[in-house]
Amino acid sequence: MDAILRGHPDLALPCYKETIFFGEYKKYITGGGLEWYEKRYYGRDAAKYKNKILGEINPVNIGNGNVERNILDAFGEDTKIIYFLRNPVDAVFSFISHLEVNGDAYAAAEKNMWREGFFDSYVEEYLYSKARDCGERNRFYLYLYGRYIATALKYVPRQNIHIMLFEDFVLDAESEVKKLLAFIGARTDVALDYKKKENIGKRIPRNVRVIKKASRLFSFWANVWVMQAGYLGERMERMLDDWYWSLSDWASVRTDKDLSMSASIRKKLADFYRQDVVLLDRVLGTNYQQRWKI
């Protein structure tokens, strides 16, 4: 989505994807504040983005309502917020699969995360695990959309919220993007590359050490260098972002393998998310429980 929207002349996105600004205390409060954030868009040339629609794509701009309130404080009460949702069972399955690229969960690359039964055992161990495993357990809580959006609606008017479903986007990206553009007041007749993608897809590491080192360097760049320097220039910051993804791409190989999920684990996850999806349907007036068969 980020790659597609960057091609629209009416829009201005930060010079690198996912600033993780509004939900991160050290950036929003104790770091450079809004001045730091604004420079991610236009640097020292504010006139460049005059009359542009500003916005960003961020996986953590959802939560306990604080993020939404911070966004409204920064952009104004009429700010439009788009939630891009996916069947939570499939979403957590995809997320755990993605951890393989970073050599993260269970030191996955060294132990061959793609082995039969990995995802099932991961769910069994961590879904209802004790507090000491909260980091792993919280990955399942990322997809409690009903809880999060019900809280957000205390601060954001319903008419300023647009819901996109991943399942619809996969079926017809152009139609879904045009609905989004109409919602934010951008032109819908602009030619865009609806097949453009920036993520590196399903891959498995061939050099875990390189990927982990790249992750550490990227974290240092994003959280120390960029934070302290204030602004390195759009081209430089975008280049560093591209460098990280290119290195991750180089240090891994594409695979057609998929993690497997047994019917019993799918049912267990559906049971875990069911009441939250019921809440989501109630606050939005939708029928996602039936759509997602949860």
C-alpha atoms as a PDB file:
ATOM      1  CA  MET A   1       0.000   0.000   0.000  1.00  0.00           C
ATOM      2  CA  ASP A   2       2.804   2.410   0.875  1.00  0.00           C
ATOM      3  CA  ALA A   3       4.481   1.776  -2.487  1.00  0.00           C
ATOM      4  CA  ILE A   4       1.226   2.342  -4.382  1.00  0.00           C
ATOM      5  CA  LEU A   5       0.283   5.580  -2.629  1.00  0.00           C
ATOM      6  CA  ARG A   6       3.738   7.117  -3.071  1.00  0.00           C
ATOM      7  CA  GLY A   7       2.953   7.325  -6.770  1.00  0.00           C
ATOM      8  CA  HIS A   8      -0.021   9.671  -6.224  1.00  0.00           C
ATOM      9  CA  PRO A   9       0.784  13.363  -6.864  1.00  0.00           C
ATOM     10  CA  ASP A  10      -1.791  14.611  -4.344  1.00  0.00           C
ATOM     11  CA  LEU A  11      -0.229  12.726  -1.442  1.00  0.00           C
ATOM     12  CA  ALA A  12       2.871  13.207   0.685  1.00  0.00           C
ATOM     13  CA  LEU A  13       4.211  10.347   2.770  1.00  0.00           C
ATOM     14  CA  PRO A  14       7.258  10.402   5.085  1.00  0.00           C
ATOM     15  CA  CYS A  15      10.585   9.804   3.383  1.00  0.00           C
ATOM     16  CA  TYR A  16      10.696   6.305   4.843  1.00  0.00           C
ATOM     17  CA  LYS A  17       7.954   3.883   5.744  1.00  0.00           C
ATOM     18  CA  GLU A  18       6.747   3.408   9.318  1.00  0.00           C
ATOM     19  CA  THR A  19       8.099   6.274  11.408  1.00  0.00           C
ATOM     20  CA  ILE A  20       6.629   4.613  14.535  1.00  0.00           C
ATOM     21  CA  PHE A  21       6.135   8.133  15.861  1.00  0.00           C
ATOM     22  CA  PHE A  22       2.732   8.604  17.437  1.00  0.00           C
ATOM     23  CA  GLY A  23       2.855   5.483  19.572  1.00  0.00           C
ATOM     24  CA  GLU A  24       6.443   5.774  20.724  1.00  0.00           C
ATOM     25  CA  TYR A  25       6.931   7.936  23.792  1.00  0.00           C
ATOM     26  CA  LYS A  26      10.614   8.700  23.259  1.00  0.00           C
ATOM     27  CA  LYS A  27       9.881  10.124  19.818  1.00  0.00           C
ATOM     28  CA  TYR A  28       6.577  11.835  20.462  1.00  0.00           C
ATOM     29  CA  ILE A  29       7.326  13.334  23.870  1.00  0.00           C
ATOM     30  CA  THR A  30      11.010  13.167  24.779  1.00  0.00           C
ATOM     31  CA  GLY A  31      12.536  13.154  21.302  1.00  0.00           C
ATOM     32  CA  GLY A  32      12.298  15.760  18.578  1.00  0.00           C
ATOM     33  CA  GLY A  33       8.529  16.005  18.845  1.00  0.00           C
ATOM     34  CA  LEU A  34       6.398  17.234  15.971  1.00  0.00           C
ATOM     35  CA  GLU A  35       9.268  19.204  14.485  1.00  0.00           C
ATOM     36  CA  TRP A  36      11.172  15.943  14.037  1.00  0.00           C
ATOM     37  CA  TYR A  37       8.101  14.259  12.541  1.00  0.00           C
ATOM     38  CA  GLU A  38       7.331  17.086  10.114  1.00  0.00           C
ATOM     39  CA  LYS A  39      10.840  16.924   8.712  1.00  0.00           C
ATOM     40  CA  ARG A  40      10.245  13.319   7.702  1.00  0.00           C
ATOM     41  CA  TYR A  41       7.848  14.763   5.119  1.00  0.00           C
ATOM     42  CA  TYR A  42       9.464  17.870   3.718  1.00  0.00           C
ATOM     43  CA  GLY A  43      12.755  18.454   5.501  1.00  0.00           C
ATOM     44  CA  ARG A  44      13.675  22.100   5.304  1.00  0.00           C
ATOM     45  CA  ASP A  45      11.424  22.864   2.353  1.00  0.00           C
ATOM     46  CA  ALA A  46       7.889  23.124   3.728  1.00  0.00           C
ATOM     47  CA  ALA A  47       6.633  24.793   0.551  1.00  0.00           C
ATOM     48  CA  LYS A  48       7.366  21.608  -1.384  1.00  0.00           C
ATOM     49  CA  TYR A  49       4.360  19.876   0.138  1.00  0.00           C
ATOM     50  CA  LYS A  50       1.981  22.798   0.228  1.00  0.00           C
ATOM     51  CA  ASN A  51      -1.580  21.670  -0.578  1.00  0.00           C
ATOM     52  CA  LYS A  52      -0.570  18.007  -0.314  1.00  0.00           C
ATOM     53  CA  ILE A  53      -2.538  15.466   1.707  1.00  0.00           C
ATOM     54  CA  LEU A  54      -0.180  14.248   4.442  1.00  0.00           C
ATOM     55  CA  GLY A  55      -0.336  10.790   5.930  1.00  0.00           C
ATOM     56  CA  GLU A  56       1.566   7.613   6.605  1.00  0.00           C
ATOM     57  CA  ILE A  57       1.178   3.858   6.814  1.00  0.00           C
ATOM     58  CA  ASN A  58       2.110   2.444  10.162  1.00  0.00           C
ATOM     59  CA  PRO A  59       1.416  -0.962  11.712  1.00  0.00           C
ATOM     60  CA  VAL A  60       1.228   0.368  15.271  1.00  0.00           C
ATOM     61  CA  ASN A  61      -1.097   3.367  14.843  1.00  0.00           C
ATOM     62  CA  ILE A  62      -3.745   1.405  16.687  1.00  0.00           C
ATOM     63  CA  GLY A  63      -3.949   0.555  20.332  1.00  0.00           C
ATOM     64  CA  ASN A  64      -5.430   2.025  23.477  1.00  0.00           C
ATOM     65  CA  GLY A  65      -6.629   5.278  21.939  1.00  0.00           C
ATOM     66  CA  ASN A  66      -3.506   7.239  22.848  1.00  0.00           C
ATOM     67  CA  VAL A  67      -2.112   6.914  19.335  1.00  0.00           C
ATOM     68  CA  GLU A  68      -5.330   8.133  17.753  1.00  0.00           C
ATOM     69  CA  ARG A  69      -5.456  11.087  20.152  1.00  0.00           C
ATOM     70  CA  ASN A  70      -1.854  11.973  19.356  1.00  0.00           C
ATOM     71  CA  ILE A  71      -2.657  11.884  15.637  1.00  0.00           C
ATOM     72  CA  LEU A  72      -5.663  14.166  16.093  1.00  0.00           C
ATOM     73  CA  ASP A  73      -3.599  16.568  18.180  1.00  0.00           C
ATOM     74  CA  ALA A  74      -1.016  16.772  15.403  1.00  0.00           C
ATOM     75  CA  PHE A  75      -3.217  16.866  12.298  1.00  0.00           C
ATOM     76  CA  GLY A  76      -6.503  18.238  13.622  1.00  0.00           C
ATOM     77  CA  GLU A  77      -9.925  16.934  14.611  1.00  0.00           C
ATOM     78  CA  ASP A  78     -10.933  16.295  10.984  1.00  0.00           C
ATOM     79  CA  THR A  79      -8.093  13.842  10.390  1.00  0.00           C
ATOM     80  CA  LYS A  80      -9.115  10.706   8.508  1.00  0.00           C
ATOM     81  CA  ILE A  81      -7.927   7.355   9.865  1.00  0.00           C
ATOM     82  CA  ILE A  82      -7.879   4.172   7.795  1.00  0.00           C
ATOM     83  CA  TYR A  83      -7.720   0.755   9.434  1.00  0.00           C
ATOM     84  CA  PHE A  84      -6.458  -2.035   7.201  1.00  0.00           C
ATOM     85  CA  LEU A  85      -7.767  -5.266   8.711  1.00  0.00           C
ATOM     86  CA  ARG A  86      -7.376  -8.948   7.969  1.00  0.00           C
ATOM     87  CA  ASN A  87      -8.947 -12.070   9.413  1.00  0.00           C
ATOM     88  CA  PRO A  88      -7.047 -12.112  12.737  1.00  0.00           C
ATOM     89  CA  VAL A  89      -6.337 -15.843  12.493  1.00  0.00           C
ATOM     90  CA  ASP A  90      -4.687 -15.376   9.096  1.00  0.00           C
ATOM     91  CA  ALA A  91      -3.042 -12.150  10.232  1.00  0.00           C
ATOM     92  CA  VAL A  92      -1.225 -13.682  13.203  1.00  0.00           C
ATOM     93  CA  PHE A  93      -0.286 -16.679  11.053  1.00  0.00           C
ATOM     94  CA  SER A  94       1.249 -14.329   8.466  1.00  0.00           C
ATOM     95  CA  PHE A  95       3.011 -12.296  11.145  1.00  0.00           C
ATOM     96  CA  ILE A  96       4.674 -15.309  12.723  1.00  0.00           C
ATOM     97  CA  SER A  97       5.700 -16.444   9.242  1.00  0.00           C
ATOM     98  CA  HIS A  98       7.252 -13.039   8.601  1.00  0.00           C
ATOM     99  CA  LEU A  99       9.414 -13.377  11.694  1.00  0.00           C
ATOM    100  CA  GLU A 100      11.380 -15.988   9.779  1.00  0.00           C
ATOM    101  CA  VAL A 101      12.803 -13.279   7.539  1.00  0.00           C
ATOM    102  CA  ASN A 102      14.308 -11.559  10.561  1.00  0.00           C
ATOM    103  CA  GLY A 103      15.602 -14.776  12.076  1.00  0.00           C
ATOM    104  CA  ASP A 104      13.514 -13.897  15.113  1.00  0.00           C
ATOM    105  CA  ALA A 105      11.085 -16.342  16.724  1.00  0.00           C
ATOM    106  CA  TYR A 106      12.749 -19.408  18.190  1.00  0.00           C
ATOM    107  CA  ALA A 107      15.986 -18.389  16.416  1.00  0.00           C
ATOM    108  CA  ALA A 108      13.929 -19.688  13.533  1.00  0.00           C
ATOM    109  CA  ALA A 109      16.406 -19.693  10.693  1.00  0.00           C
ATOM    110  CA  GLU A 110      18.949 -21.874  12.440  1.00  0.00           C
ATOM    111  CA  LYS A 111      16.269 -24.337  13.538  1.00  0.00           C
ATOM    112  CA  ASN A 112      14.353 -24.394  10.237  1.00  0.00           C
ATOM    113  CA  MET A 113      11.153 -22.611  11.103  1.00  0.00           C
ATOM    114  CA  TRP A 114       9.440 -24.210   8.142  1.00  0.00           C
ATOM    115  CA  ARG A 115       9.416 -27.607   9.819  1.00  0.00           C
ATOM    116  CA  GLU A 116       6.077 -29.343  10.061  1.00  0.00           C
ATOM    117  CA  GLY A 117       4.100 -28.317  13.116  1.00  0.00           C
ATOM    118  CA  PHE A 118       6.123 -25.217  14.028  1.00  0.00           C
ATOM    119  CA  PHE A 119       3.206 -22.792  14.019  1.00  0.00           C
ATOM    120  CA  ASP A 120       0.966 -25.194  15.922  1.00  0.00           C
ATOM    121  CA  SER A 121       3.570 -25.625  18.652  1.00  0.00           C
ATOM    122  CA  TYR A 122       4.137 -21.856  18.772  1.00  0.00           C
ATOM    123  CA  VAL A 123       0.421 -21.242  19.402  1.00  0.00           C
ATOM    124  CA  GLU A 124       0.193 -24.020  21.978  1.00  0.00           C
ATOM    125  CA  GLU A 125       3.162 -22.637  23.902  1.00  0.00           C
ATOM    126  CA  TYR A 126       2.438 -18.919  23.818  1.00  0.00           C
ATOM    127  CA  LEU A 127      -1.281 -18.178  23.248  1.00  0.00           C
ATOM    128  CA  TYR A 128      -2.135 -18.569  26.929  1.00  0.00           C
ATOM    129  CA  SER A 129       1.391 -18.443  28.288  1.00  0.00           C
ATOM    130  CA  LYS A 130       2.487 -16.923  31.591  1.00  0.00           C
ATOM    131  CA  ALA A 131       3.658 -13.363  32.145  1.00  0.00           C
ATOM    132  CA  ARG A 132       7.295 -14.258  31.569  1.00  0.00           C
ATOM    133  CA  ASP A 133       6.427 -14.933  27.932  1.00  0.00           C
ATOM    134  CA  CYS A 134       4.450 -11.718  27.483  1.00  0.00           C
ATOM    135  CA  GLY A 135       6.534 -10.613  24.495  1.00  0.00           C
ATOM    136  CA  GLU A 136       5.540 -13.707  22.557  1.00  0.00           C
ATOM    137  CA  ARG A 137       1.977 -13.722  23.852  1.00  0.00           C
ATOM    138  CA  ASN A 138       1.425 -10.084  22.909  1.00  0.00           C
ATOM    139  CA  ARG A 139       1.853 -10.971  19.247  1.00  0.00           C
ATOM    140  CA  PHE A 140      -1.594 -12.538  19.398  1.00  0.00           C
ATOM    141  CA  TYR A 141      -3.043  -9.431  21.041  1.00  0.00           C
ATOM    142  CA  LEU A 142      -2.031  -7.228  18.109  1.00  0.00           C
ATOM    143  CA  TYR A 143      -5.120  -8.386  16.229  1.00  0.00           C
ATOM    144  CA  LEU A 144      -7.827  -7.617  18.794  1.00  0.00           C
ATOM    145  CA  TYR A 145      -9.306  -5.064  16.409  1.00  0.00           C
ATOM    146  CA  GLY A 146     -12.644  -4.724  18.184  1.00  0.00           C
ATOM    147  CA  ARG A 147     -11.081  -3.698  21.464  1.00  0.00           C
ATOM    148  CA  TYR A 148      -8.789  -1.179  19.798  1.00  0.00           C
ATOM    149  CA  ILE A 149     -11.287   0.400  17.423  1.00  0.00           C
ATOM    150  CA  ALA A 150     -13.990   0.603  20.097  1.00  0.00           C
ATOM    151  CA  THR A 151     -11.527   2.645  22.160  1.00  0.00           C
ATOM    152  CA  ALA A 152     -10.516   4.781  19.167  1.00  0.00           C
ATOM    153  CA  LEU A 153     -14.172   5.650  18.511  1.00  0.00           C
ATOM    154  CA  LYS A 154     -14.224   7.506  21.819  1.00  0.00           C
ATOM    155  CA  TYR A 155     -11.970  10.079  20.168  1.00  0.00           C
ATOM    156  CA  VAL A 156     -12.443   9.717  16.406  1.00  0.00           C
ATOM    157  CA  PRO A 157     -15.864  10.341  14.805  1.00  0.00           C
ATOM    158  CA  ARG A 158     -17.124   7.283  12.920  1.00  0.00           C
ATOM    159  CA  GLN A 159     -17.406   9.282   9.688  1.00  0.00           C
ATOM    160  CA  ASN A 160     -13.656   9.931   9.841  1.00  0.00           C
ATOM    161  CA  ILE A 161     -12.814   6.223   9.948  1.00  0.00           C
ATOM    162  CA  HIS A 162     -12.487   4.039   6.866  1.00  0.00           C
ATOM    163  CA  ILE A 163     -12.110   0.268   7.042  1.00  0.00           C
ATOM    164  CA  MET A 164     -10.198  -1.656   4.394  1.00  0.00           C
ATOM    165  CA  LEU A 165     -10.079  -5.425   4.357  1.00  0.00           C
ATOM    166  CA  PHE A 166      -6.955  -7.232   3.214  1.00  0.00           C
ATOM    167  CA  GLU A 167      -9.127  -9.886   1.599  1.00  0.00           C
ATOM    168  CA  ASP A 168     -10.841  -7.276  -0.593  1.00  0.00           C
ATOM    169  CA  PHE A 169      -7.542  -5.591  -1.423  1.00  0.00           C
ATOM    170  CA  VAL A 170      -6.077  -8.872  -2.671  1.00  0.00           C
ATOM    171  CA  LEU A 171      -9.112  -9.449  -4.898  1.00  0.00           C
ATOM    172  CA  ASP A 172      -9.225  -5.935  -6.376  1.00  0.00           C
ATOM    173  CA  ALA A 173      -6.473  -3.568  -5.267  1.00  0.00           C
ATOM    174  CA  GLU A 174      -7.469  -0.800  -7.665  1.00  0.00           C
ATOM    175  CA  SER A 175     -11.066  -0.650  -6.462  1.00  0.00           C
ATOM    176  CA  GLU A 176     -10.061  -0.615  -2.797  1.00  0.00           C
ATOM    177  CA  VAL A 177      -7.377   2.053  -3.261  1.00  0.00           C
ATOM    178  CA  LYS A 178      -9.824   4.275  -5.137  1.00  0.00           C
ATOM    179  CA  LYS A 179     -12.285   3.998  -2.245  1.00  0.00           C
ATOM    180  CA  LEU A 180      -9.492   5.057   0.094  1.00  0.00           C
ATOM    181  CA  LEU A 181      -8.545   7.991  -2.151  1.00  0.00           C
ATOM    182  CA  ALA A 182     -12.149   9.168  -2.348  1.00  0.00           C
ATOM    183  CA  PHE A 183     -12.402   8.965   1.449  1.00  0.00           C
ATOM    184  CA  ILE A 184      -9.382  11.239   1.997  1.00  0.00           C
ATOM    185  CA  GLY A 185     -10.332  13.638  -0.815  1.00  0.00           C
ATOM    186  CA  ALA A 186      -7.630  12.717  -3.327  1.00  0.00           C
ATOM    187  CA  ARG A 187      -8.185  12.294  -7.061  1.00  0.00           C
ATOM    188  CA  THR A 188      -9.248   8.809  -8.090  1.00  0.00           C
ATOM    189  CA  ASP A 189      -8.434   9.152 -11.805  1.00  0.00           C
ATOM    190  CA  VAL A 190      -4.631   9.147 -11.368  1.00  0.00           C
ATOM    191  CA  ALA A 191      -2.789   6.220 -12.969  1.00  0.00           C
ATOM    192  CA  LEU A 192      -1.087   4.186 -10.234  1.00  0.00           C
ATOM    193  CA  ASP A 193       0.919   0.977 -10.231  1.00  0.00           C
ATOM    194  CA  TYR A 194      -1.403  -1.317  -8.294  1.00  0.00           C
ATOM    195  CA  LYS A 195       1.029  -4.226  -8.511  1.00  0.00           C
ATOM    196  CA  LYS A 196       3.934  -2.357  -6.925  1.00  0.00           C
ATOM    197  CA  LYS A 197       5.229  -3.876  -3.685  1.00  0.00           C
ATOM    198  CA  GLU A 198       8.021  -3.022  -1.278  1.00  0.00           C
ATOM    199  CA  ASN A 199       7.979  -5.997   1.049  1.00  0.00           C
ATOM    200  CA  ILE A 200      10.246  -8.873   0.180  1.00  0.00           C
ATOM    201  CA  GLY A 201       7.623 -11.611   0.208  1.00  0.00           C
ATOM    202  CA  LYS A 202       8.020 -15.154   1.443  1.00  0.00           C
ATOM    203  CA  ARG A 203      11.700 -15.735   1.954  1.00  0.00           C
ATOM    204  CA  ILE A 204      13.972 -17.750   4.208  1.00  0.00           C
ATOM    205  CA  PRO A 205      17.387 -16.520   5.370  1.00  0.00           C
ATOM    206  CA  ARG A 206      20.573 -17.758   3.810  1.00  0.00           C
ATOM    207  CA  ASN A 207      22.663 -15.539   6.069  1.00  0.00           C
ATOM    208  CA  VAL A 208      21.026 -14.933   9.447  1.00  0.00           C
ATOM    209  CA  ARG A 209      24.017 -13.014  10.802  1.00  0.00           C
ATOM    210  CA  VAL A 210      23.773 -10.444   8.004  1.00  0.00           C
ATOM    211  CA  ILE A 211      20.035  -9.980   8.547  1.00  0.00           C
ATOM    212  CA  LYS A 212      20.415  -9.573  12.305  1.00  0.00           C
ATOM    213  CA  LYS A 213      23.293  -7.126  11.860  1.00  0.00           C
ATOM    214  CA  ALA A 214      21.248  -5.147   9.339  1.00  0.00           C
ATOM    215  CA  SER A 215      18.364  -5.026  11.818  1.00  0.00           C
ATOM    216  CA  ARG A 216      20.656  -3.683  14.540  1.00  0.00           C
ATOM    217  CA  LEU A 217      22.161  -1.075  12.209  1.00  0.00           C
ATOM    218  CA  PHE A 218      18.715  -0.052  11.002  1.00  0.00           C
ATOM    219  CA  SER A 219      17.529   0.306  14.585  1.00  0.00           C
ATOM    220  CA  PHE A 220      20.586   2.408  15.411  1.00  0.00           C
ATOM    221  CA  TRP A 221      19.989   4.582  12.360  1.00  0.00           C
ATOM    222  CA  ALA A 222      16.285   5.081  13.055  1.00  0.00           C
ATOM    223  CA  ASN A 223      16.431   5.496  16.832  1.00  0.00           C
ATOM    224  CA  VAL A 224      19.795   7.197  17.375  1.00  0.00           C
ATOM    225  CA  TRP A 225      21.283   8.730  14.268  1.00  0.00           C
ATOM    226  CA  VAL A 226      18.086  10.108  12.732  1.00  0.00           C
ATOM    227  CA  MET A 227      16.720  11.133  16.122  1.00  0.00           C
ATOM    228  CA  GLN A 228      19.884  13.048  17.036  1.00  0.00           C
ATOM    229  CA  ALA A 229      20.647  14.482  13.607  1.00  0.00           C
ATOM    230  CA  GLY A 230      17.095  15.708  13.184  1.00  0.00           C
ATOM    231  CA  TYR A 231      17.074  15.598   9.402  1.00  0.00           C
ATOM    232  CA  LEU A 232      19.471  13.917   6.988  1.00  0.00           C
ATOM    233  CA  GLY A 233      17.633  14.797   3.812  1.00  0.00           C
ATOM    234  CA  GLU A 234      14.788  12.923   2.161  1.00  0.00           C
ATOM    235  CA  ARG A 235      17.051  11.209  -0.348  1.00  0.00           C
ATOM    236  CA  MET A 236      19.464   9.990   2.334  1.00  0.00           C
ATOM    237  CA  GLU A 237      16.757   8.739   4.684  1.00  0.00           C
ATOM    238  CA  ARG A 238      14.903   6.989   1.880  1.00  0.00           C
ATOM    239  CA  MET A 239      18.178   5.487   0.667  1.00  0.00           C
ATOM    240  CA  LEU A 240      18.942   4.066   4.121  1.00  0.00           C
ATOM    241  CA  ASP A 241      15.462   2.556   4.308  1.00  0.00           C
ATOM    242  CA  ASP A 242      15.896   1.007   0.860  1.00  0.00           C
ATOM    243  CA  TRP A 243      19.326  -0.270   1.900  1.00  0.00           C
ATOM    244  CA  TYR A 244      17.871  -2.244   4.779  1.00  0.00           C
ATOM    245  CA  TRP A 245      15.210  -3.934   2.662  1.00  0.00           C
ATOM    246  CA  SER A 246      17.638  -4.595  -0.167  1.00  0.00           C
ATOM    247  CA  LEU A 247      20.079  -6.219   2.251  1.00  0.00           C
ATOM    248  CA  SER A 248      17.303  -8.342   3.738  1.00  0.00           C
ATOM    249  CA  ASP A 249      16.372  -9.369   0.211  1.00  0.00           C
ATOM    250  CA  TRP A 250      19.982 -10.268  -0.648  1.00  0.00           C
ATOM    251  CA  ALA A 251      20.502 -12.274   2.554  1.00  0.00           C
ATOM    252  CA  SER A 252      17.460 -14.452   1.965  1.00  0.00           C
ATOM    253  CA  VAL A 253      16.029 -16.592  -0.775  1.00  0.00           C
ATOM    254  CA  ARG A 254      12.474 -16.780  -2.048  1.00  0.00           C
ATOM    255  CA  THR A 255      10.527 -19.836  -1.046  1.00  0.00           C
ATOM    256  CA  ASP A 256       7.230 -21.354  -2.056  1.00  0.00           C
ATOM    257  CA  LYS A 257       6.969 -23.131   1.271  1.00  0.00           C
ATOM    258  CA  ASP A 258       4.283 -22.153   3.724  1.00  0.00           C
ATOM    259  CA  LEU A 259       4.017 -22.697   7.416  1.00  0.00           C
ATOM    260  CA  SER A 260       1.240 -25.135   8.113  1.00  0.00           C
ATOM    261  CA  MET A 261      -1.659 -24.608  10.506  1.00  0.00           C
ATOM    262  CA  SER A 262      -3.775 -27.538  11.613  1.00  0.00           C
ATOM    263  CA  ALA A 263      -7.572 -27.363  11.732  1.00  0.00           C
ATOM    264  CA  SER A 264      -7.504 -27.680  15.512  1.00  0.00           C
ATOM    265  CA  ILE A 265      -5.150 -24.697  15.910  1.00  0.00           C
ATOM    266  CA  ARG A 266      -7.213 -22.619  13.476  1.00  0.00           C
ATOM    267  CA  LYS A 267     -10.262 -23.386  15.617  1.00  0.00           C
ATOM    268  CA  LYS A 268      -8.346 -22.517  18.787  1.00  0.00           C
ATOM    269  CA  LEU A 269      -7.351 -19.133  17.358  1.00  0.00           C
ATOM    270  CA  ALA A 270     -10.878 -18.524  16.063  1.00  0.00           C
ATOM    271  CA  ASP A 271     -12.193 -19.186  19.565  1.00  0.00           C
ATOM    272  CA  PHE A 272      -9.604 -16.759  20.960  1.00  0.00           C
ATOM    273  CA  TYR A 273     -10.612 -13.943  18.594  1.00  0.00           C
ATOM    274  CA  ARG A 274     -14.363 -14.588  18.354  1.00  0.00           C
ATOM    275  CA  GLN A 275     -15.628 -12.258  21.082  1.00  0.00           C
ATOM    276  CA  ASP A 276     -13.397  -9.472  19.844  1.00  0.00           C
ATOM    277  CA  VAL A 277     -14.741  -9.817  16.296  1.00  0.00           C
ATOM    278  CA  VAL A 278     -18.275  -9.740  17.726  1.00  0.00           C
ATOM    279  CA  LEU A 279     -17.332  -6.460  19.419  1.00  0.00           C
ATOM    280  CA  LEU A 280     -15.853  -5.166  16.156  1.00  0.00           C
ATOM    281  CA  ASP A 281     -19.086  -5.938  14.306  1.00  0.00           C
ATOM    282  CA  ARG A 282     -21.123  -4.236  17.009  1.00  0.00           C
ATOM    283  CA  VAL A 283     -19.174  -0.976  17.016  1.00  0.00           C
ATOM    284  CA  LEU A 284     -18.828  -0.763  13.224  1.00  0.00           C
ATOM    285  CA  GLY A 285     -22.168  -2.258  12.171  1.00  0.00           C
ATOM    286  CA  THR A 286     -20.407  -4.889  10.055  1.00  0.00           C
ATOM    287  CA  ASN A 287     -20.588  -8.658   9.717  1.00  0.00           C
ATOM    288  CA  TYR A 288     -16.928  -9.676   9.721  1.00  0.00           C
ATOM    289  CA  GLN A 289     -17.599 -12.654  11.972  1.00  0.00           C
ATOM    290  CA  GLN A 290     -19.499 -14.298   9.145  1.00  0.00           C
ATOM    291  CA  ARG A 291     -17.087 -13.016   6.503  1.00  0.00           C
ATOM    292  CA  TRP A 292     -14.084 -14.469   8.339  1.00  0.00           C
ATOM    293  CA  LYS A 293     -15.972 -17.551   9.573  1.00  0.00           C
ATOM    294  CA  ILE A 294     -14.953 -16.968  13.182  1.00  0.00           C
END
